[in-house]
Amino acid sequence: MATSVNAHITGTVWKIEVKEGEMVSEGQTCVILESMKMEMPVEAPASGTVEKINCAEGQAVNEGDVLLTLA
């Protein structure tokens, strides 16, 4: 079952820390969002493999947007 990693704030994707096919562990930083000059890490809610990255660096995202999915 796929697990979604969602943006918890509205902002801009500053950096993507993982690649498709990479194994991640629960709590690992996957994406860093920038909002109001602050960098906010988005962490994996569970361990798994990055199945698909749904965002790009520099892209604006809204709270709740799916940034990537874990398998």
N, C-alpha and C. Protein backbone atom coordinates (compact mmCIF):
# COMPACT_ATOMS: atom_id res chain seq x y z
N MET A 1 0.85 -1.19 0.00
CA MET A 1 0.00 0.00 0.00
C MET A 1 0.89 1.24 0.00
N ALA A 2 0.58 2.18 -0.87
CA ALA A 2 1.38 3.40 -0.99
C ALA A 2 1.08 4.36 0.16
N THR A 3 2.11 5.05 0.61
CA THR A 3 1.99 6.06 1.65
C THR A 3 2.33 7.41 1.03
N SER A 4 1.45 8.40 1.22
CA SER A 4 1.70 9.74 0.68
C SER A 4 2.51 10.56 1.67
N VAL A 5 3.43 11.35 1.13
CA VAL A 5 4.16 12.33 1.93
C VAL A 5 3.64 13.69 1.47
N ASN A 6 2.93 14.39 2.36
CA ASN A 6 2.24 15.62 2.00
C ASN A 6 2.93 16.86 2.56
N ALA A 7 2.71 17.98 1.88
CA ALA A 7 3.21 19.27 2.36
C ALA A 7 2.40 19.65 3.60
N HIS A 8 3.06 20.05 4.66
CA HIS A 8 2.34 20.45 5.88
C HIS A 8 2.17 21.96 5.95
N ILE A 9 2.78 22.68 4.99
CA ILE A 9 2.62 24.13 4.90
C ILE A 9 2.54 24.52 3.42
N THR A 10 2.06 25.72 3.17
CA THR A 10 2.10 26.28 1.82
C THR A 10 3.45 26.95 1.65
N GLY A 11 4.12 26.68 0.55
CA GLY A 11 5.44 27.26 0.34
C GLY A 11 6.02 26.83 -1.00
N THR A 12 7.34 26.83 -1.07
CA THR A 12 8.06 26.47 -2.29
C THR A 12 8.97 25.29 -1.98
N VAL A 13 9.04 24.34 -2.92
CA VAL A 13 9.96 23.20 -2.75
C VAL A 13 11.38 23.76 -2.91
N TRP A 14 12.14 23.75 -1.83
CA TRP A 14 13.49 24.30 -1.84
C TRP A 14 14.48 23.23 -2.28
N LYS A 15 14.33 22.01 -1.73
CA LYS A 15 15.26 20.94 -2.07
C LYS A 15 14.58 19.58 -1.92
N ILE A 16 14.83 18.70 -2.85
CA ILE A 16 14.35 17.31 -2.77
C ILE A 16 15.55 16.47 -2.34
N GLU A 17 15.41 15.81 -1.21
CA GLU A 17 16.53 15.09 -0.59
C GLU A 17 16.62 13.61 -0.99
N VAL A 18 15.60 13.10 -1.71
CA VAL A 18 15.57 11.68 -2.06
C VAL A 18 15.38 11.51 -3.56
N LYS A 19 15.60 10.28 -4.04
CA LYS A 19 15.41 9.96 -5.45
C LYS A 19 14.44 8.78 -5.55
N GLU A 20 13.76 8.67 -6.70
CA GLU A 20 12.87 7.53 -6.92
C GLU A 20 13.67 6.24 -6.81
N GLY A 21 13.10 5.26 -6.12
CA GLY A 21 13.75 3.97 -5.93
C GLY A 21 14.60 3.90 -4.67
N GLU A 22 14.81 5.02 -4.01
CA GLU A 22 15.64 5.06 -2.80
C GLU A 22 14.84 4.58 -1.59
N MET A 23 15.51 3.83 -0.71
CA MET A 23 14.89 3.40 0.55
C MET A 23 14.98 4.55 1.55
N VAL A 24 13.88 4.83 2.25
CA VAL A 24 13.88 5.85 3.31
C VAL A 24 13.36 5.23 4.60
N SER A 25 13.78 5.78 5.72
CA SER A 25 13.28 5.30 7.00
C SER A 25 12.34 6.34 7.60
N GLU A 26 11.49 5.88 8.49
CA GLU A 26 10.53 6.75 9.15
C GLU A 26 11.27 7.90 9.80
N GLY A 27 10.78 9.13 9.56
CA GLY A 27 11.39 10.31 10.15
C GLY A 27 12.50 10.94 9.32
N GLN A 28 12.90 10.27 8.23
CA GLN A 28 13.95 10.81 7.36
C GLN A 28 13.41 12.00 6.58
N THR A 29 14.22 13.06 6.44
CA THR A 29 13.81 14.23 5.66
C THR A 29 13.80 13.86 4.19
N CYS A 30 12.66 14.10 3.53
CA CYS A 30 12.50 13.79 2.11
C CYS A 30 12.56 15.05 1.25
N VAL A 31 11.91 16.10 1.73
CA VAL A 31 11.81 17.36 0.99
C VAL A 31 11.98 18.49 1.98
N ILE A 32 12.57 19.59 1.52
CA ILE A 32 12.65 20.79 2.35
C ILE A 32 11.82 21.87 1.67
N LEU A 33 10.84 22.40 2.39
CA LEU A 33 10.00 23.48 1.89
C LEU A 33 10.49 24.80 2.45
N GLU A 34 10.34 25.85 1.66
CA GLU A 34 10.70 27.20 2.11
C GLU A 34 9.41 28.00 2.18
N SER A 35 9.20 28.63 3.33
CA SER A 35 8.02 29.46 3.52
C SER A 35 8.39 30.61 4.43
N MET A 36 8.13 31.81 4.01
CA MET A 36 8.43 33.01 4.80
C MET A 36 9.88 33.02 5.26
N LYS A 37 10.80 32.67 4.35
CA LYS A 37 12.25 32.66 4.60
C LYS A 37 12.70 31.61 5.61
N MET A 38 11.83 30.65 5.91
CA MET A 38 12.17 29.56 6.83
C MET A 38 12.20 28.25 6.06
N GLU A 39 13.15 27.40 6.38
CA GLU A 39 13.23 26.07 5.77
C GLU A 39 12.54 25.07 6.69
N MET A 40 11.58 24.32 6.14
CA MET A 40 10.80 23.37 6.92
C MET A 40 10.97 21.98 6.31
N PRO A 41 11.58 21.03 7.06
CA PRO A 41 11.74 19.68 6.53
C PRO A 41 10.41 18.92 6.51
N VAL A 42 10.21 18.13 5.47
CA VAL A 42 9.05 17.22 5.38
C VAL A 42 9.62 15.82 5.52
N GLU A 43 9.18 15.11 6.56
CA GLU A 43 9.74 13.81 6.89
C GLU A 43 8.83 12.67 6.44
N ALA A 44 9.44 11.53 6.20
CA ALA A 44 8.68 10.33 5.83
C ALA A 44 7.86 9.86 7.03
N PRO A 45 6.56 9.63 6.86
CA PRO A 45 5.73 9.15 7.96
C PRO A 45 5.96 7.67 8.27
N ALA A 46 6.60 6.96 7.35
CA ALA A 46 6.87 5.52 7.52
C ALA A 46 8.07 5.15 6.67
N SER A 47 8.64 4.00 6.94
CA SER A 47 9.74 3.50 6.12
C SER A 47 9.19 2.95 4.81
N GLY A 48 10.01 3.00 3.76
CA GLY A 48 9.58 2.45 2.48
C GLY A 48 10.52 2.86 1.37
N THR A 49 10.10 2.61 0.15
CA THR A 49 10.85 2.97 -1.04
C THR A 49 10.14 4.11 -1.74
N VAL A 50 10.89 5.11 -2.18
CA VAL A 50 10.28 6.24 -2.90
C VAL A 50 9.77 5.71 -4.24
N GLU A 51 8.45 5.74 -4.39
CA GLU A 51 7.81 5.21 -5.60
C GLU A 51 7.73 6.27 -6.68
N LYS A 52 7.29 7.48 -6.31
CA LYS A 52 7.13 8.56 -7.29
C LYS A 52 7.30 9.90 -6.61
N ILE A 53 8.04 10.80 -7.24
CA ILE A 53 8.19 12.17 -6.76
C ILE A 53 7.24 13.04 -7.58
N ASN A 54 6.34 13.75 -6.90
CA ASN A 54 5.30 14.52 -7.57
C ASN A 54 5.56 16.02 -7.57
N CYS A 55 6.79 16.43 -7.25
CA CYS A 55 7.08 17.86 -7.20
C CYS A 55 8.47 18.10 -7.79
N ALA A 56 8.80 19.35 -8.00
CA ALA A 56 10.11 19.73 -8.53
C ALA A 56 10.65 20.89 -7.70
N GLU A 57 11.98 20.99 -7.62
CA GLU A 57 12.58 22.09 -6.89
C GLU A 57 12.15 23.41 -7.53
N GLY A 58 11.75 24.36 -6.68
CA GLY A 58 11.28 25.66 -7.16
C GLY A 58 9.78 25.74 -7.35
N GLN A 59 9.09 24.60 -7.25
CA GLN A 59 7.65 24.55 -7.46
C GLN A 59 6.91 25.04 -6.22
N ALA A 60 5.86 25.83 -6.43
CA ALA A 60 4.99 26.27 -5.33
C ALA A 60 4.03 25.13 -4.99
N VAL A 61 3.84 24.88 -3.69
CA VAL A 61 2.91 23.84 -3.24
C VAL A 61 2.00 24.40 -2.17
N ASN A 62 0.83 23.78 -2.05
CA ASN A 62 -0.13 24.16 -1.02
C ASN A 62 -0.14 23.12 0.09
N GLU A 63 -0.58 23.51 1.25
CA GLU A 63 -0.72 22.58 2.36
C GLU A 63 -1.59 21.41 1.93
N GLY A 64 -1.10 20.18 2.16
CA GLY A 64 -1.87 18.99 1.81
C GLY A 64 -1.50 18.39 0.46
N ASP A 65 -0.75 19.13 -0.37
CA ASP A 65 -0.33 18.58 -1.67
C ASP A 65 0.56 17.35 -1.46
N VAL A 66 0.40 16.34 -2.31
CA VAL A 66 1.24 15.13 -2.23
C VAL A 66 2.57 15.45 -2.90
N LEU A 67 3.66 15.38 -2.12
CA LEU A 67 4.98 15.67 -2.65
C LEU A 67 5.62 14.42 -3.25
N LEU A 68 5.40 13.27 -2.58
CA LEU A 68 5.91 12.01 -3.10
C LEU A 68 5.15 10.86 -2.45
N THR A 69 5.28 9.68 -3.06
CA THR A 69 4.62 8.50 -2.50
C THR A 69 5.69 7.44 -2.20
N LEU A 70 5.45 6.71 -1.13
CA LEU A 70 6.32 5.62 -0.71
C LEU A 70 5.59 4.30 -0.93
N ALA A 71 6.31 3.29 -1.37
CA ALA A 71 5.72 1.97 -1.57
C ALA A 71 6.08 1.09 -0.39
